Amino acid sequence: MLNLNIWNIACTVINLLVLYLFMKHFLVAPVRKILDERKQMIERDLDDAKDTRTQAEQMKTEYEASMSNADQEASRIIEDARARAGEEYNRILDQAKKDAAKKMEEADRTIALEREKAMNDLQAGVAGLAMTAAAKLLSEQAGPDRDRNLYNSFLAGSGESND
């Protein structure tokens, strides 16, 4: 049958208590320490992740603001470039108009000089022709007979007669 011995039970209880203390000291304490360290590491990682997420959201907000500012800056730069291009266009157009007016003035002066030269040449030519025609007329009409006839007709008109 079953024989219960108090010493046996007491030794078993003592063995169990010693085993429990050894297990608690050498097994459970290190495992609990590892679990606590793991828990702290997880909490640190969660805090870091939360901080990283906060920073990411802040950077996202800054990025969106920067993009909005970049769009506005790009629009401003384009408007400035258009304004400068318009000013440059107007400046070039004004310069072209001035150059064209100057060339027109020079052309008008050249035309006036050419006209004056042509008129002088024409006057000289007409004068030369008139002189040639007068010389030819004089050479045809000049002579002693002609002079005598003119003298006689003058005298006849005045009523004197020389013959």
N, C-alpha and C. Protein backbone atom coordinates (compact mmCIF):
# COMPACT_ATOMS: atom_id res chain seq x y z
N MET A 1 0.75 -1.14 0.00
CA MET A 1 0.00 0.00 0.00
C MET A 1 0.83 1.26 0.00
N LEU A 2 0.13 2.21 0.25
CA LEU A 2 0.82 3.46 0.16
C LEU A 2 1.33 3.83 1.54
N ASN A 3 2.55 3.99 1.56
CA ASN A 3 3.17 4.29 2.82
C ASN A 3 3.60 5.75 2.80
N LEU A 4 3.11 6.49 3.69
CA LEU A 4 3.42 7.91 3.75
C LEU A 4 4.45 8.09 4.87
N ASN A 5 5.50 8.63 4.40
CA ASN A 5 6.56 8.90 5.35
C ASN A 5 6.71 10.42 5.40
N ILE A 6 6.74 10.94 6.61
CA ILE A 6 6.79 12.38 6.82
C ILE A 6 8.12 12.91 6.32
N TRP A 7 9.14 12.17 6.54
CA TRP A 7 10.45 12.63 6.09
C TRP A 7 10.50 12.67 4.56
N ASN A 8 9.90 11.77 3.99
CA ASN A 8 9.84 11.74 2.54
C ASN A 8 9.09 12.96 2.00
N ILE A 9 7.98 13.24 2.62
CA ILE A 9 7.17 14.39 2.20
C ILE A 9 7.94 15.67 2.48
N ALA A 10 8.58 15.75 3.62
CA ALA A 10 9.32 16.96 3.99
C ALA A 10 10.49 17.15 3.02
N CYS A 11 11.20 16.10 2.66
CA CYS A 11 12.32 16.21 1.72
C CYS A 11 11.82 16.61 0.36
N THR A 12 10.70 16.09 -0.06
CA THR A 12 10.14 16.43 -1.35
C THR A 12 9.74 17.90 -1.37
N VAL A 13 9.13 18.35 -0.31
CA VAL A 13 8.72 19.77 -0.23
C VAL A 13 9.96 20.65 -0.23
N ILE A 14 10.98 20.26 0.54
CA ILE A 14 12.22 21.04 0.60
C ILE A 14 12.87 21.04 -0.78
N ASN A 15 12.92 19.88 -1.44
CA ASN A 15 13.49 19.79 -2.80
C ASN A 15 12.72 20.71 -3.76
N LEU A 16 11.41 20.67 -3.62
CA LEU A 16 10.60 21.53 -4.49
C LEU A 16 10.86 23.01 -4.20
N LEU A 17 10.97 23.36 -2.95
CA LEU A 17 11.27 24.77 -2.59
C LEU A 17 12.65 25.18 -3.10
N VAL A 18 13.63 24.35 -2.95
CA VAL A 18 14.97 24.66 -3.42
C VAL A 18 14.96 24.76 -4.94
N LEU A 19 14.29 23.81 -5.57
CA LEU A 19 14.18 23.86 -7.03
C LEU A 19 13.47 25.14 -7.48
N TYR A 20 12.41 25.50 -6.77
CA TYR A 20 11.68 26.73 -7.11
C TYR A 20 12.59 27.95 -6.95
N LEU A 21 13.34 28.03 -5.87
CA LEU A 21 14.23 29.17 -5.64
C LEU A 21 15.34 29.22 -6.69
N PHE A 22 15.94 28.05 -6.99
CA PHE A 22 16.95 28.01 -8.04
C PHE A 22 16.37 28.45 -9.39
N MET A 23 15.20 27.92 -9.68
CA MET A 23 14.54 28.26 -10.95
C MET A 23 14.21 29.76 -10.98
N LYS A 24 13.72 30.24 -9.85
CA LYS A 24 13.36 31.66 -9.80
C LYS A 24 14.61 32.51 -9.94
N HIS A 25 15.67 32.13 -9.27
CA HIS A 25 16.89 32.92 -9.30
C HIS A 25 17.63 32.78 -10.64
N PHE A 26 17.77 31.59 -11.17
CA PHE A 26 18.58 31.37 -12.36
C PHE A 26 17.78 31.36 -13.67
N LEU A 27 16.49 31.15 -13.61
CA LEU A 27 15.71 31.05 -14.83
C LEU A 27 14.69 32.17 -14.94
N VAL A 28 13.87 32.34 -13.98
CA VAL A 28 12.78 33.31 -14.07
C VAL A 28 13.33 34.73 -14.00
N ALA A 29 14.27 35.01 -13.13
CA ALA A 29 14.81 36.38 -12.99
C ALA A 29 15.47 36.82 -14.29
N PRO A 30 16.36 36.02 -14.90
CA PRO A 30 16.93 36.46 -16.18
C PRO A 30 15.88 36.60 -17.28
N VAL A 31 14.91 35.67 -17.29
CA VAL A 31 13.87 35.77 -18.31
C VAL A 31 13.04 37.03 -18.07
N ARG A 32 12.71 37.30 -16.82
CA ARG A 32 11.95 38.51 -16.49
C ARG A 32 12.78 39.76 -16.84
N LYS A 33 14.08 39.71 -16.56
CA LYS A 33 14.95 40.83 -16.90
C LYS A 33 14.96 41.04 -18.42
N ILE A 34 15.06 39.95 -19.16
CA ILE A 34 15.06 40.03 -20.63
C ILE A 34 13.72 40.58 -21.11
N LEU A 35 12.63 40.11 -20.49
CA LEU A 35 11.30 40.59 -20.89
C LEU A 35 11.14 42.08 -20.57
N ASP A 36 11.65 42.51 -19.41
CA ASP A 36 11.58 43.94 -19.06
C ASP A 36 12.41 44.78 -20.03
N GLU A 37 13.63 44.29 -20.36
CA GLU A 37 14.46 45.01 -21.32
C GLU A 37 13.76 45.08 -22.68
N ARG A 38 13.16 43.97 -23.06
CA ARG A 38 12.43 43.92 -24.34
C ARG A 38 11.26 44.90 -24.32
N LYS A 39 10.56 44.93 -23.18
CA LYS A 39 9.43 45.86 -23.05
C LYS A 39 9.92 47.31 -23.15
N GLN A 40 11.02 47.63 -22.47
CA GLN A 40 11.57 48.99 -22.54
C GLN A 40 12.03 49.31 -23.97
N MET A 41 12.66 48.35 -24.64
CA MET A 41 13.11 48.57 -26.01
C MET A 41 11.91 48.82 -26.93
N ILE A 42 10.85 48.05 -26.75
CA ILE A 42 9.65 48.25 -27.56
C ILE A 42 9.05 49.61 -27.28
N GLU A 43 9.01 50.03 -26.02
CA GLU A 43 8.48 51.35 -25.67
C GLU A 43 9.34 52.46 -26.28
N ARG A 44 10.66 52.28 -26.23
CA ARG A 44 11.56 53.26 -26.85
C ARG A 44 11.33 53.31 -28.36
N ASP A 45 11.19 52.14 -28.98
CA ASP A 45 10.94 52.09 -30.43
C ASP A 45 9.61 52.76 -30.77
N LEU A 46 8.60 52.53 -29.93
CA LEU A 46 7.30 53.17 -30.16
C LEU A 46 7.41 54.69 -30.00
N ASP A 47 8.14 55.13 -28.96
CA ASP A 47 8.34 56.57 -28.78
C ASP A 47 9.12 57.16 -29.95
N ASP A 48 10.17 56.44 -30.38
CA ASP A 48 10.95 56.90 -31.55
C ASP A 48 10.07 56.96 -32.80
N ALA A 49 9.25 55.94 -32.98
CA ALA A 49 8.37 55.91 -34.14
C ALA A 49 7.37 57.07 -34.07
N LYS A 50 6.88 57.34 -32.85
CA LYS A 50 5.94 58.46 -32.69
C LYS A 50 6.64 59.78 -33.00
N ASP A 51 7.88 59.94 -32.49
CA ASP A 51 8.65 61.16 -32.79
C ASP A 51 8.94 61.26 -34.29
N THR A 52 9.32 60.14 -34.89
CA THR A 52 9.61 60.13 -36.32
C THR A 52 8.36 60.48 -37.11
N ARG A 53 7.24 59.95 -36.70
CA ARG A 53 5.99 60.26 -37.38
C ARG A 53 5.66 61.74 -37.23
N THR A 54 5.84 62.28 -36.05
CA THR A 54 5.60 63.71 -35.83
C THR A 54 6.52 64.55 -36.71
N GLN A 55 7.80 64.16 -36.75
CA GLN A 55 8.75 64.87 -37.60
C GLN A 55 8.38 64.74 -39.08
N ALA A 56 7.94 63.55 -39.48
CA ALA A 56 7.55 63.33 -40.87
C ALA A 56 6.34 64.20 -41.22
N GLU A 57 5.38 64.27 -40.32
CA GLU A 57 4.21 65.12 -40.57
C GLU A 57 4.61 66.59 -40.65
N GLN A 58 5.52 66.98 -39.75
CA GLN A 58 6.01 68.37 -39.78
C GLN A 58 6.76 68.64 -41.08
N MET A 59 7.61 67.70 -41.49
CA MET A 59 8.35 67.86 -42.75
C MET A 59 7.39 67.88 -43.94
N LYS A 60 6.33 67.07 -43.87
CA LYS A 60 5.34 67.05 -44.94
C LYS A 60 4.65 68.42 -45.02
N THR A 61 4.30 68.97 -43.87
CA THR A 61 3.67 70.30 -43.84
C THR A 61 4.62 71.35 -44.40
N GLU A 62 5.88 71.29 -43.98
CA GLU A 62 6.88 72.23 -44.49
C GLU A 62 7.07 72.04 -46.00
N TYR A 63 7.09 70.79 -46.44
CA TYR A 63 7.25 70.49 -47.86
C TYR A 63 6.08 71.05 -48.67
N GLU A 64 4.87 70.84 -48.16
CA GLU A 64 3.69 71.37 -48.86
C GLU A 64 3.74 72.89 -48.91
N ALA A 65 4.13 73.50 -47.79
CA ALA A 65 4.25 74.97 -47.77
C ALA A 65 5.35 75.41 -48.74
N SER A 66 6.45 74.66 -48.75
CA SER A 66 7.55 74.98 -49.66
C SER A 66 7.11 74.83 -51.11
N MET A 67 6.36 73.79 -51.40
CA MET A 67 5.85 73.59 -52.77
C MET A 67 4.90 74.72 -53.15
N SER A 68 4.06 75.13 -52.21
CA SER A 68 3.15 76.24 -52.48
C SER A 68 3.96 77.51 -52.74
N ASN A 69 4.97 77.72 -51.90
CA ASN A 69 5.84 78.89 -52.10
C ASN A 69 6.60 78.77 -53.42
N ALA A 70 7.02 77.55 -53.75
CA ALA A 70 7.75 77.35 -55.01
C ALA A 70 6.85 77.66 -56.20
N ASP A 71 5.59 77.24 -56.11
CA ASP A 71 4.65 77.55 -57.19
C ASP A 71 4.46 79.06 -57.30
N GLN A 72 4.30 79.71 -56.16
CA GLN A 72 4.14 81.17 -56.17
C GLN A 72 5.41 81.83 -56.69
N GLU A 73 6.56 81.33 -56.27
CA GLU A 73 7.83 81.90 -56.72
C GLU A 73 8.00 81.69 -58.23
N ALA A 74 7.64 80.50 -58.69
CA ALA A 74 7.73 80.22 -60.13
C ALA A 74 6.80 81.16 -60.91
N SER A 75 5.60 81.36 -60.40
CA SER A 75 4.67 82.29 -61.06
C SER A 75 5.24 83.70 -61.06
N ARG A 76 5.82 84.10 -59.94
CA ARG A 76 6.40 85.44 -59.85
C ARG A 76 7.57 85.58 -60.82
N ILE A 77 8.41 84.55 -60.89
CA ILE A 77 9.57 84.58 -61.80
C ILE A 77 9.09 84.66 -63.24
N ILE A 78 8.05 83.89 -63.57
CA ILE A 78 7.52 83.92 -64.93
C ILE A 78 6.96 85.30 -65.24
N GLU A 79 6.22 85.88 -64.30
CA GLU A 79 5.67 87.23 -64.51
C GLU A 79 6.79 88.25 -64.67
N ASP A 80 7.83 88.12 -63.84
CA ASP A 80 8.97 89.04 -63.96
C ASP A 80 9.64 88.88 -65.33
N ALA A 81 9.80 87.63 -65.75
CA ALA A 81 10.42 87.38 -67.06
C ALA A 81 9.57 87.95 -68.18
N ARG A 82 8.25 87.80 -68.05
CA ARG A 82 7.37 88.36 -69.07
C ARG A 82 7.46 89.88 -69.08
N ALA A 83 7.49 90.47 -67.89
CA ALA A 83 7.60 91.94 -67.81
C ALA A 83 8.92 92.41 -68.42
N ARG A 84 10.01 91.72 -68.08
CA ARG A 84 11.30 92.10 -68.65
C ARG A 84 11.32 91.89 -70.16
N ALA A 85 10.69 90.81 -70.62
CA ALA A 85 10.64 90.56 -72.06
C ALA A 85 9.83 91.65 -72.76
N GLY A 86 8.73 92.07 -72.11
CA GLY A 86 7.92 93.15 -72.67
C GLY A 86 8.71 94.45 -72.72
N GLU A 87 9.44 94.74 -71.65
CA GLU A 87 10.26 95.95 -71.63
C GLU A 87 11.34 95.88 -72.71
N GLU A 88 11.98 94.72 -72.82
CA GLU A 88 13.02 94.54 -73.83
C GLU A 88 12.43 94.68 -75.23
N TYR A 89 11.23 94.11 -75.43
CA TYR A 89 10.54 94.22 -76.72
C TYR A 89 10.28 95.68 -77.04
N ASN A 90 9.74 96.41 -76.04
CA ASN A 90 9.46 97.84 -76.25
C ASN A 90 10.73 98.62 -76.52
N ARG A 91 11.81 98.30 -75.79
CA ARG A 91 13.07 99.00 -75.99
C ARG A 91 13.60 98.75 -77.40
N ILE A 92 13.56 97.48 -77.83
CA ILE A 92 14.04 97.14 -79.17
C ILE A 92 13.16 97.80 -80.22
N LEU A 93 11.85 97.80 -79.98
CA LEU A 93 10.93 98.42 -80.93
C LEU A 93 11.19 99.92 -81.01
N ASP A 94 11.39 100.58 -79.85
CA ASP A 94 11.70 102.01 -79.86
C ASP A 94 13.01 102.28 -80.58
N GLN A 95 14.01 101.45 -80.33
CA GLN A 95 15.30 101.61 -80.99
C GLN A 95 15.15 101.42 -82.50
N ALA A 96 14.35 100.43 -82.89
CA ALA A 96 14.12 100.20 -84.33
C ALA A 96 13.40 101.40 -84.95
N LYS A 97 12.43 101.96 -84.22
CA LYS A 97 11.73 103.14 -84.73
C LYS A 97 12.70 104.32 -84.87
N LYS A 98 13.56 104.49 -83.87
CA LYS A 98 14.54 105.58 -83.95
C LYS A 98 15.49 105.37 -85.12
N ASP A 99 15.95 104.12 -85.28
CA ASP A 99 16.85 103.82 -86.40
C ASP A 99 16.14 104.06 -87.73
N ALA A 100 14.88 103.64 -87.81
CA ALA A 100 14.12 103.83 -89.05
C ALA A 100 13.92 105.32 -89.32
N ALA A 101 13.61 106.10 -88.26
CA ALA A 101 13.43 107.54 -88.44
C ALA A 101 14.74 108.19 -88.89
N LYS A 102 15.85 107.75 -88.30
CA LYS A 102 17.15 108.29 -88.67
C LYS A 102 17.46 107.96 -90.13
N LYS A 103 17.18 106.73 -90.54
CA LYS A 103 17.44 106.33 -91.92
C LYS A 103 16.52 107.09 -92.87
N MET A 104 15.26 107.32 -92.44
CA MET A 104 14.34 108.11 -93.28
C MET A 104 14.84 109.55 -93.42
N GLU A 105 15.35 110.11 -92.32
CA GLU A 105 15.92 111.46 -92.37
C GLU A 105 17.10 111.51 -93.33
N GLU A 106 17.98 110.51 -93.20
CA GLU A 106 19.14 110.46 -94.08
C GLU A 106 18.70 110.29 -95.54
N ALA A 107 17.68 109.45 -95.74
CA ALA A 107 17.17 109.24 -97.11
C ALA A 107 16.56 110.54 -97.64
N ASP A 108 15.81 111.26 -96.77
CA ASP A 108 15.22 112.54 -97.20
C ASP A 108 16.32 113.54 -97.55
N ARG A 109 17.37 113.59 -96.72
CA ARG A 109 18.49 114.49 -97.00
C ARG A 109 19.17 114.11 -98.31
N THR A 110 19.37 112.80 -98.49
CA THR A 110 20.00 112.33 -99.72
C THR A 110 19.13 112.68 -100.93
N ILE A 111 17.82 112.48 -100.78
CA ILE A 111 16.91 112.80 -101.88
C ILE A 111 16.95 114.29 -102.18
N ALA A 112 16.96 115.12 -101.12
CA ALA A 112 17.00 116.57 -101.31
C ALA A 112 18.30 116.97 -102.00
N LEU A 113 19.41 116.39 -101.56
CA LEU A 113 20.69 116.71 -102.19
C LEU A 113 20.70 116.26 -103.65
N GLU A 114 20.17 115.06 -103.91
CA GLU A 114 20.12 114.57 -105.28
C GLU A 114 19.21 115.45 -106.14
N ARG A 115 18.08 115.89 -105.56
CA ARG A 115 17.16 116.75 -106.29
C ARG A 115 17.84 118.08 -106.61
N GLU A 116 18.54 118.64 -105.60
CA GLU A 116 19.24 119.91 -105.82
C GLU A 116 20.33 119.75 -106.88
N LYS A 117 21.04 118.63 -106.80
CA LYS A 117 22.09 118.37 -107.78
C LYS A 117 21.48 118.23 -109.18
N ALA A 118 20.35 117.50 -109.25
CA ALA A 118 19.68 117.32 -110.54
C ALA A 118 19.20 118.67 -111.08
N MET A 119 18.64 119.51 -110.17
CA MET A 119 18.18 120.83 -110.61
C MET A 119 19.35 121.68 -111.10
N ASN A 120 20.47 121.63 -110.38
CA ASN A 120 21.66 122.38 -110.81
C ASN A 120 22.15 121.87 -112.15
N ASP A 121 22.18 120.53 -112.30
CA ASP A 121 22.60 119.96 -113.58
C ASP A 121 21.64 120.36 -114.69
N LEU A 122 20.33 120.36 -114.38
CA LEU A 122 19.33 120.74 -115.36
C LEU A 122 19.45 122.21 -115.73
N GLN A 123 19.67 123.06 -114.71
CA GLN A 123 19.85 124.49 -114.99
C GLN A 123 21.10 124.73 -115.82
N ALA A 124 22.16 124.02 -115.47
CA ALA A 124 23.39 124.16 -116.25
C ALA A 124 23.17 123.68 -117.67
N GLY A 125 22.43 122.59 -117.82
CA GLY A 125 22.14 122.08 -119.16
C GLY A 125 21.27 123.05 -119.95
N VAL A 126 20.23 123.59 -119.28
CA VAL A 126 19.34 124.56 -119.95
C VAL A 126 20.12 125.81 -120.31
N ALA A 127 20.96 126.27 -119.39
CA ALA A 127 21.77 127.46 -119.66
C ALA A 127 22.70 127.19 -120.83
N GLY A 128 23.28 126.00 -120.82
CA GLY A 128 24.17 125.65 -121.93
C GLY A 128 23.41 125.60 -123.25
N LEU A 129 22.21 125.03 -123.23
CA LEU A 129 21.39 124.97 -124.43
C LEU A 129 20.99 126.38 -124.88
N ALA A 130 20.63 127.22 -123.91
CA ALA A 130 20.24 128.59 -124.24
C ALA A 130 21.42 129.34 -124.84
N MET A 131 22.58 129.12 -124.28
CA MET A 131 23.77 129.79 -124.82
C MET A 131 24.07 129.27 -126.23
N THR A 132 23.93 127.98 -126.41
CA THR A 132 24.17 127.41 -127.72
C THR A 132 23.16 127.94 -128.73
N ALA A 133 21.89 127.97 -128.30
CA ALA A 133 20.85 128.47 -129.20
C ALA A 133 21.08 129.95 -129.50
N ALA A 134 21.43 130.74 -128.50
CA ALA A 134 21.68 132.17 -128.72
C ALA A 134 22.87 132.36 -129.63
N ALA A 135 23.91 131.56 -129.41
CA ALA A 135 25.10 131.69 -130.25
C ALA A 135 24.76 131.32 -131.69
N LYS A 136 23.94 130.29 -131.84
CA LYS A 136 23.56 129.88 -133.18
C LYS A 136 22.70 130.96 -133.84
N LEU A 137 21.76 131.52 -133.12
CA LEU A 137 20.93 132.59 -133.66
C LEU A 137 21.76 133.81 -134.03
N LEU A 138 22.65 134.13 -133.14
CA LEU A 138 23.49 135.30 -133.40
C LEU A 138 24.41 135.05 -134.60
N SER A 139 24.91 133.86 -134.69
CA SER A 139 25.81 133.59 -135.82
C SER A 139 25.03 133.58 -137.13
N GLU A 140 23.79 133.16 -137.10
CA GLU A 140 22.97 133.18 -138.32
C GLU A 140 22.54 134.60 -138.68
N GLN A 141 22.22 135.38 -137.72
CA GLN A 141 21.68 136.70 -137.98
C GLN A 141 22.76 137.76 -138.06
N ALA A 142 23.90 137.47 -137.59
CA ALA A 142 24.94 138.49 -137.60
C ALA A 142 25.58 138.58 -138.98
N GLY A 143 26.04 139.69 -139.23
CA GLY A 143 26.70 139.91 -140.51
C GLY A 143 26.42 141.34 -140.99
N PRO A 144 27.19 141.83 -141.98
CA PRO A 144 27.01 143.21 -142.41
C PRO A 144 25.68 143.45 -143.09
N ASP A 145 25.21 142.51 -143.84
CA ASP A 145 23.93 142.72 -144.53
C ASP A 145 22.80 142.80 -143.52
N ARG A 146 22.85 142.02 -142.62
CA ARG A 146 21.78 142.00 -141.61
C ARG A 146 21.83 143.28 -140.81
N ASP A 147 23.00 143.72 -140.43
CA ASP A 147 23.12 144.97 -139.69
C ASP A 147 22.61 146.14 -140.51
N ARG A 148 22.91 146.16 -141.78
CA ARG A 148 22.47 147.24 -142.64
C ARG A 148 20.95 147.21 -142.74
N ASN A 149 20.35 146.08 -142.92
CA ASN A 149 18.90 145.97 -143.02
C ASN A 149 18.24 146.41 -141.72
N LEU A 150 18.80 146.06 -140.61
CA LEU A 150 18.25 146.49 -139.33
C LEU A 150 18.37 148.01 -139.19
N TYR A 151 19.47 148.55 -139.62
CA TYR A 151 19.68 150.00 -139.51
C TYR A 151 18.69 150.73 -140.40
N ASN A 152 18.50 150.22 -141.59
CA ASN A 152 17.57 150.84 -142.53
C ASN A 152 16.15 150.73 -141.99
N SER A 153 15.76 149.64 -141.45
CA SER A 153 14.41 149.53 -140.94
C SER A 153 14.23 150.42 -139.73
N PHE A 154 15.26 150.66 -139.00
CA PHE A 154 15.17 151.56 -137.86
C PHE A 154 14.99 152.98 -138.36
N LEU A 155 15.73 153.31 -139.34
CA LEU A 155 15.64 154.65 -139.90
C LEU A 155 14.30 154.86 -140.58
N ALA A 156 13.81 153.85 -141.19
CA ALA A 156 12.54 154.00 -141.87
C ALA A 156 11.44 154.16 -140.85
N GLY A 157 11.56 153.60 -139.79
CA GLY A 157 10.57 153.73 -138.77
C GLY A 157 10.63 155.08 -138.11
N SER A 158 11.79 155.74 -138.12
CA SER A 158 11.93 157.04 -137.51
C SER A 158 11.70 158.15 -138.52
N GLY A 159 11.61 157.85 -139.77
CA GLY A 159 11.31 158.82 -140.78
C GLY A 159 12.53 159.38 -141.47
N GLU A 160 13.64 158.99 -141.20
CA GLU A 160 14.85 159.46 -141.89
C GLU A 160 15.23 158.47 -142.93
N SER A 161 15.85 158.95 -143.92
CA SER A 161 16.27 158.09 -144.99
C SER A 161 17.70 158.37 -145.27
N ASN A 162 18.50 157.43 -145.44
CA ASN A 162 19.92 157.59 -145.63
C ASN A 162 20.30 157.37 -147.07
N ASP A 163 19.54 156.86 -147.91
CA ASP A 163 19.91 156.59 -149.29
C ASP A 163 19.89 157.76 -150.13
